[in-house]
């Protein structure tokens, strides 16, 4: 990560309880979704989710990267609704929604008069 990119990105994380009696719940107990976004544009530039398989981790990452947080959660939730059918679907959606709440708080903190 270049120096300019490092100072223009902000990290957000969202958490959610995982469904009981699943492999992911046995390993992690809580789902964590973390994103780095460009604070100038709101676009997610990197992402990670605490999933069991590399395939799932990479798939979730690809769905998140490039999304503009300024567009709100609805379109992104629709993407996950249409393309993600894993056991942690509801937890993943909850964690992502919490990212948007934190993003809204971040924007309000940065622009207190908006």
N, C-alpha and C. Protein backbone atom coordinates (compact mmCIF):
# COMPACT_ATOMS: atom_id res chain seq x y z
N UNK A 1 0.86 -1.18 0.00
CA UNK A 1 0.00 0.00 0.00
C UNK A 1 0.89 1.22 0.00
N UNK A 2 0.66 2.11 -0.94
CA UNK A 2 1.47 3.32 -1.04
C UNK A 2 1.16 4.25 0.13
N UNK A 3 2.07 5.18 0.38
CA UNK A 3 1.89 6.14 1.48
C UNK A 3 0.62 6.94 1.32
N UNK A 4 0.35 7.40 0.09
CA UNK A 4 -0.86 8.19 -0.16
C UNK A 4 -2.11 7.37 0.11
N UNK A 5 -2.13 6.11 -0.38
CA UNK A 5 -3.30 5.26 -0.18
C UNK A 5 -3.48 4.96 1.31
N UNK A 6 -2.40 4.74 2.03
CA UNK A 6 -2.49 4.41 3.45
C UNK A 6 -3.18 5.51 4.22
N UNK A 7 -2.92 6.76 3.92
CA UNK A 7 -3.50 7.87 4.66
C UNK A 7 -4.86 8.28 4.14
N UNK A 8 -5.29 7.70 3.05
CA UNK A 8 -6.60 8.02 2.50
C UNK A 8 -7.60 6.88 2.68
N UNK A 9 -7.22 5.87 3.46
CA UNK A 9 -8.14 4.77 3.71
C UNK A 9 -8.49 4.70 5.19
N UNK A 10 -9.70 4.23 5.44
CA UNK A 10 -10.20 4.07 6.81
C UNK A 10 -10.72 2.65 6.93
N UNK A 11 -10.50 2.03 8.09
CA UNK A 11 -10.94 0.67 8.34
C UNK A 11 -12.24 0.68 9.14
N UNK A 12 -13.19 -0.11 8.69
CA UNK A 12 -14.44 -0.34 9.42
C UNK A 12 -14.61 -1.83 9.62
N UNK A 13 -15.21 -2.21 10.74
CA UNK A 13 -15.52 -3.63 10.94
C UNK A 13 -16.93 -3.77 11.46
N UNK A 14 -17.57 -4.83 11.03
CA UNK A 14 -18.92 -5.16 11.48
C UNK A 14 -18.93 -6.57 12.02
N UNK A 15 -19.77 -6.81 13.00
CA UNK A 15 -19.83 -8.10 13.67
C UNK A 15 -21.26 -8.63 13.67
N UNK A 16 -21.37 -9.96 13.75
CA UNK A 16 -22.68 -10.59 13.85
C UNK A 16 -22.53 -11.97 14.47
N UNK A 17 -23.56 -12.39 15.16
CA UNK A 17 -23.60 -13.73 15.74
C UNK A 17 -23.85 -14.72 14.62
N UNK A 18 -23.16 -15.84 14.67
CA UNK A 18 -23.29 -16.87 13.65
C UNK A 18 -24.37 -17.88 14.04
N UNK A 19 -24.94 -18.57 13.05
CA UNK A 19 -25.95 -19.58 13.36
C UNK A 19 -25.32 -20.75 14.13
N UNK A 20 -26.06 -21.27 15.10
CA UNK A 20 -25.57 -22.37 15.94
C UNK A 20 -25.41 -23.65 15.13
N UNK A 21 -24.51 -24.48 15.60
CA UNK A 21 -24.28 -25.81 15.04
C UNK A 21 -23.84 -25.80 13.58
N UNK A 22 -23.05 -24.80 13.22
CA UNK A 22 -22.45 -24.77 11.88
C UNK A 22 -20.94 -24.79 12.04
N UNK A 23 -20.25 -25.17 11.00
CA UNK A 23 -18.79 -25.24 11.05
C UNK A 23 -18.19 -23.88 11.36
N UNK A 24 -18.71 -22.84 10.73
CA UNK A 24 -18.16 -21.50 10.96
C UNK A 24 -18.38 -21.05 12.40
N UNK A 25 -19.53 -21.39 12.98
CA UNK A 25 -19.80 -21.00 14.36
C UNK A 25 -18.87 -21.74 15.32
N UNK A 26 -18.59 -23.00 15.02
CA UNK A 26 -17.67 -23.77 15.86
C UNK A 26 -16.26 -23.18 15.83
N UNK A 27 -15.89 -22.62 14.69
CA UNK A 27 -14.53 -22.07 14.55
C UNK A 27 -14.42 -20.64 15.07
N UNK A 28 -15.41 -19.81 14.80
CA UNK A 28 -15.28 -18.38 15.06
C UNK A 28 -16.25 -17.81 16.10
N UNK A 29 -17.41 -18.39 16.26
CA UNK A 29 -18.46 -17.89 17.17
C UNK A 29 -19.09 -16.59 16.69
N UNK A 30 -18.28 -15.66 16.18
CA UNK A 30 -18.78 -14.37 15.70
C UNK A 30 -18.20 -14.12 14.31
N UNK A 31 -19.03 -13.62 13.42
CA UNK A 31 -18.57 -13.25 12.08
C UNK A 31 -18.06 -11.82 12.10
N UNK A 32 -16.90 -11.62 11.53
CA UNK A 32 -16.32 -10.29 11.42
C UNK A 32 -16.15 -9.98 9.94
N UNK A 33 -16.66 -8.82 9.52
CA UNK A 33 -16.44 -8.32 8.17
C UNK A 33 -15.70 -7.00 8.32
N UNK A 34 -14.55 -6.90 7.68
CA UNK A 34 -13.71 -5.71 7.77
C UNK A 34 -13.48 -5.17 6.37
N UNK A 35 -13.60 -3.85 6.24
CA UNK A 35 -13.33 -3.22 4.95
C UNK A 35 -12.41 -2.02 5.14
N UNK A 36 -11.61 -1.77 4.12
CA UNK A 36 -10.86 -0.52 4.00
C UNK A 36 -11.54 0.27 2.90
N UNK A 37 -11.86 1.52 3.18
CA UNK A 37 -12.48 2.34 2.15
C UNK A 37 -11.71 3.62 1.96
N UNK A 38 -11.78 4.14 0.75
CA UNK A 38 -11.15 5.41 0.42
C UNK A 38 -12.00 6.51 1.02
N UNK A 39 -11.43 7.28 1.94
CA UNK A 39 -12.23 8.28 2.65
C UNK A 39 -12.65 9.44 1.76
N UNK A 40 -12.00 9.59 0.60
CA UNK A 40 -12.39 10.66 -0.33
C UNK A 40 -13.60 10.28 -1.16
N UNK A 41 -13.74 8.99 -1.45
CA UNK A 41 -14.79 8.55 -2.36
C UNK A 41 -15.84 7.64 -1.72
N UNK A 42 -15.47 6.97 -0.63
CA UNK A 42 -16.38 6.01 0.00
C UNK A 42 -16.31 4.62 -0.62
N UNK A 43 -15.42 4.41 -1.59
CA UNK A 43 -15.31 3.12 -2.28
C UNK A 43 -14.47 2.14 -1.47
N UNK A 44 -14.98 0.93 -1.33
CA UNK A 44 -14.26 -0.13 -0.62
C UNK A 44 -13.09 -0.57 -1.49
N UNK A 45 -11.87 -0.51 -0.93
CA UNK A 45 -10.67 -0.88 -1.69
C UNK A 45 -10.10 -2.23 -1.26
N UNK A 46 -10.50 -2.72 -0.10
CA UNK A 46 -10.07 -4.04 0.35
C UNK A 46 -11.10 -4.53 1.36
N UNK A 47 -11.19 -5.84 1.51
CA UNK A 47 -12.19 -6.41 2.41
C UNK A 47 -11.76 -7.79 2.86
N UNK A 48 -12.30 -8.18 4.00
CA UNK A 48 -12.03 -9.51 4.53
C UNK A 48 -13.20 -9.93 5.41
N UNK A 49 -13.50 -11.22 5.40
CA UNK A 49 -14.54 -11.77 6.26
C UNK A 49 -14.02 -13.04 6.91
N UNK A 50 -14.40 -13.25 8.15
CA UNK A 50 -13.93 -14.44 8.87
C UNK A 50 -14.78 -15.65 8.46
N UNK A 51 -14.43 -16.22 7.34
CA UNK A 51 -15.12 -17.39 6.81
C UNK A 51 -14.18 -18.59 6.88
N UNK A 52 -14.73 -19.78 6.77
CA UNK A 52 -13.93 -20.99 6.89
C UNK A 52 -13.09 -21.26 5.65
N UNK A 53 -13.70 -21.26 4.48
CA UNK A 53 -12.96 -21.63 3.27
C UNK A 53 -12.42 -20.41 2.55
N UNK A 54 -11.30 -20.61 1.89
CA UNK A 54 -10.70 -19.53 1.09
C UNK A 54 -11.62 -19.12 -0.04
N UNK A 55 -12.34 -20.06 -0.62
CA UNK A 55 -13.27 -19.75 -1.70
C UNK A 55 -14.32 -18.76 -1.21
N UNK A 56 -14.89 -19.03 -0.05
CA UNK A 56 -15.92 -18.13 0.50
C UNK A 56 -15.33 -16.77 0.84
N UNK A 57 -14.17 -16.77 1.46
CA UNK A 57 -13.50 -15.51 1.80
C UNK A 57 -13.29 -14.66 0.55
N UNK A 58 -12.77 -15.30 -0.50
CA UNK A 58 -12.48 -14.59 -1.75
C UNK A 58 -13.76 -14.12 -2.43
N UNK A 59 -14.81 -14.92 -2.37
CA UNK A 59 -16.08 -14.55 -3.00
C UNK A 59 -16.67 -13.32 -2.31
N UNK A 60 -16.70 -13.33 -0.99
CA UNK A 60 -17.23 -12.19 -0.23
C UNK A 60 -16.40 -10.95 -0.51
N UNK A 61 -15.08 -11.13 -0.52
CA UNK A 61 -14.17 -10.01 -0.81
C UNK A 61 -14.48 -9.39 -2.17
N UNK A 62 -14.67 -10.24 -3.19
CA UNK A 62 -14.96 -9.73 -4.54
C UNK A 62 -16.29 -8.99 -4.60
N UNK A 63 -17.26 -9.44 -3.82
CA UNK A 63 -18.55 -8.75 -3.81
C UNK A 63 -18.46 -7.38 -3.13
N UNK A 64 -17.56 -7.25 -2.16
CA UNK A 64 -17.44 -6.00 -1.40
C UNK A 64 -16.55 -4.97 -2.09
N UNK A 65 -15.41 -5.40 -2.64
CA UNK A 65 -14.46 -4.45 -3.22
C UNK A 65 -15.10 -3.73 -4.41
N UNK A 66 -14.93 -2.42 -4.40
CA UNK A 66 -15.46 -1.59 -5.48
C UNK A 66 -16.81 -0.97 -5.15
N UNK A 67 -17.47 -1.47 -4.11
CA UNK A 67 -18.77 -0.92 -3.75
C UNK A 67 -18.58 0.44 -3.08
N UNK A 68 -19.43 1.39 -3.42
CA UNK A 68 -19.35 2.73 -2.83
C UNK A 68 -20.30 2.80 -1.64
N UNK A 69 -19.74 3.00 -0.46
CA UNK A 69 -20.53 3.06 0.77
C UNK A 69 -21.53 4.21 0.75
N UNK A 70 -21.27 5.23 -0.05
CA UNK A 70 -22.21 6.35 -0.17
C UNK A 70 -23.52 5.93 -0.82
N UNK A 71 -23.53 4.78 -1.50
CA UNK A 71 -24.73 4.30 -2.16
C UNK A 71 -25.70 3.61 -1.20
N UNK A 72 -25.29 3.46 0.07
CA UNK A 72 -26.16 2.83 1.06
C UNK A 72 -26.14 1.32 0.95
N UNK A 73 -26.77 0.65 1.90
CA UNK A 73 -26.68 -0.82 1.97
C UNK A 73 -27.61 -1.58 1.04
N UNK A 74 -28.64 -0.96 0.52
CA UNK A 74 -29.69 -1.71 -0.18
C UNK A 74 -29.18 -2.49 -1.38
N UNK A 75 -28.42 -1.83 -2.26
CA UNK A 75 -27.93 -2.51 -3.46
C UNK A 75 -26.96 -3.64 -3.10
N UNK A 76 -26.11 -3.40 -2.13
CA UNK A 76 -25.16 -4.43 -1.71
C UNK A 76 -25.90 -5.61 -1.07
N UNK A 77 -26.93 -5.34 -0.29
CA UNK A 77 -27.72 -6.41 0.32
C UNK A 77 -28.40 -7.24 -0.77
N UNK A 78 -28.83 -6.58 -1.83
CA UNK A 78 -29.45 -7.30 -2.95
C UNK A 78 -28.44 -8.22 -3.63
N UNK A 79 -27.21 -7.76 -3.78
CA UNK A 79 -26.15 -8.59 -4.37
C UNK A 79 -25.96 -9.84 -3.52
N UNK A 80 -25.84 -9.68 -2.21
CA UNK A 80 -25.66 -10.84 -1.34
C UNK A 80 -26.90 -11.73 -1.35
N UNK A 81 -28.07 -11.13 -1.42
CA UNK A 81 -29.32 -11.91 -1.47
C UNK A 81 -29.35 -12.79 -2.72
N UNK A 82 -28.83 -12.27 -3.84
CA UNK A 82 -28.88 -13.00 -5.11
C UNK A 82 -27.72 -13.97 -5.34
N UNK A 83 -26.58 -13.73 -4.70
CA UNK A 83 -25.40 -14.52 -5.05
C UNK A 83 -24.75 -15.30 -3.91
N UNK A 84 -25.17 -15.07 -2.67
CA UNK A 84 -24.56 -15.78 -1.55
C UNK A 84 -25.62 -16.66 -0.89
N UNK A 85 -25.37 -17.96 -0.88
CA UNK A 85 -26.32 -18.91 -0.30
C UNK A 85 -25.67 -19.80 0.75
N UNK A 86 -24.70 -19.25 1.49
CA UNK A 86 -24.05 -19.99 2.55
C UNK A 86 -24.86 -19.96 3.84
N UNK A 87 -24.46 -20.80 4.79
CA UNK A 87 -25.15 -20.88 6.09
C UNK A 87 -25.07 -19.58 6.88
N UNK A 88 -24.07 -18.77 6.63
CA UNK A 88 -23.87 -17.54 7.40
C UNK A 88 -24.50 -16.33 6.72
N UNK A 89 -25.44 -16.55 5.82
CA UNK A 89 -26.02 -15.46 5.02
C UNK A 89 -26.60 -14.35 5.90
N UNK A 90 -27.44 -14.70 6.84
CA UNK A 90 -28.08 -13.67 7.69
C UNK A 90 -27.04 -12.95 8.53
N UNK A 91 -26.08 -13.69 9.06
CA UNK A 91 -25.01 -13.07 9.86
C UNK A 91 -24.18 -12.13 8.99
N UNK A 92 -23.89 -12.55 7.79
CA UNK A 92 -23.12 -11.72 6.87
C UNK A 92 -23.87 -10.42 6.56
N UNK A 93 -25.15 -10.53 6.30
CA UNK A 93 -25.96 -9.34 6.04
C UNK A 93 -26.00 -8.42 7.26
N UNK A 94 -26.11 -8.99 8.45
CA UNK A 94 -26.12 -8.19 9.67
C UNK A 94 -24.79 -7.47 9.86
N UNK A 95 -23.69 -8.17 9.65
CA UNK A 95 -22.36 -7.56 9.79
C UNK A 95 -22.17 -6.43 8.78
N UNK A 96 -22.63 -6.63 7.57
CA UNK A 96 -22.50 -5.60 6.54
C UNK A 96 -23.36 -4.39 6.88
N UNK A 97 -24.56 -4.62 7.35
CA UNK A 97 -25.41 -3.49 7.76
C UNK A 97 -24.75 -2.69 8.88
N UNK A 98 -24.07 -3.38 9.79
CA UNK A 98 -23.39 -2.65 10.87
C UNK A 98 -22.24 -1.82 10.32
N UNK A 99 -21.62 -2.26 9.22
CA UNK A 99 -20.59 -1.45 8.56
C UNK A 99 -21.17 -0.13 8.09
N UNK A 100 -22.36 -0.19 7.54
CA UNK A 100 -22.99 1.03 7.04
C UNK A 100 -23.37 1.98 8.16
N UNK A 101 -23.76 1.45 9.29
CA UNK A 101 -24.04 2.30 10.46
C UNK A 101 -22.77 3.00 10.90
N UNK A 102 -21.68 2.26 10.95
CA UNK A 102 -20.40 2.85 11.33
C UNK A 102 -19.91 3.86 10.29
N UNK A 103 -20.16 3.57 9.03
CA UNK A 103 -19.78 4.50 7.98
C UNK A 103 -20.57 5.81 8.11
N UNK A 104 -21.85 5.71 8.36
CA UNK A 104 -22.68 6.89 8.55
C UNK A 104 -22.17 7.71 9.73
N UNK A 105 -21.79 7.04 10.82
CA UNK A 105 -21.22 7.73 11.98
C UNK A 105 -19.91 8.42 11.62
N UNK A 106 -19.08 7.73 10.83
CA UNK A 106 -17.80 8.30 10.41
C UNK A 106 -18.03 9.57 9.59
N UNK A 107 -18.94 9.50 8.62
CA UNK A 107 -19.22 10.66 7.77
C UNK A 107 -19.74 11.82 8.61
N UNK A 108 -20.63 11.54 9.53
CA UNK A 108 -21.18 12.60 10.39
C UNK A 108 -20.09 13.23 11.25
N UNK A 109 -19.16 12.42 11.71
CA UNK A 109 -18.05 12.92 12.53
C UNK A 109 -17.12 13.80 11.71
N UNK A 110 -16.91 13.44 10.46
CA UNK A 110 -16.01 14.19 9.59
C UNK A 110 -16.65 15.46 9.07
N UNK A 111 -17.96 15.45 8.95
CA UNK A 111 -18.73 16.59 8.43
C UNK A 111 -19.83 16.95 9.41
N UNK A 112 -19.50 17.52 10.56
CA UNK A 112 -20.49 17.74 11.60
C UNK A 112 -21.61 18.70 11.22
N UNK A 113 -21.44 19.49 10.16
CA UNK A 113 -22.46 20.46 9.78
C UNK A 113 -23.34 19.98 8.64
N UNK A 114 -23.19 18.72 8.26
CA UNK A 114 -24.01 18.19 7.16
C UNK A 114 -25.25 17.54 7.72
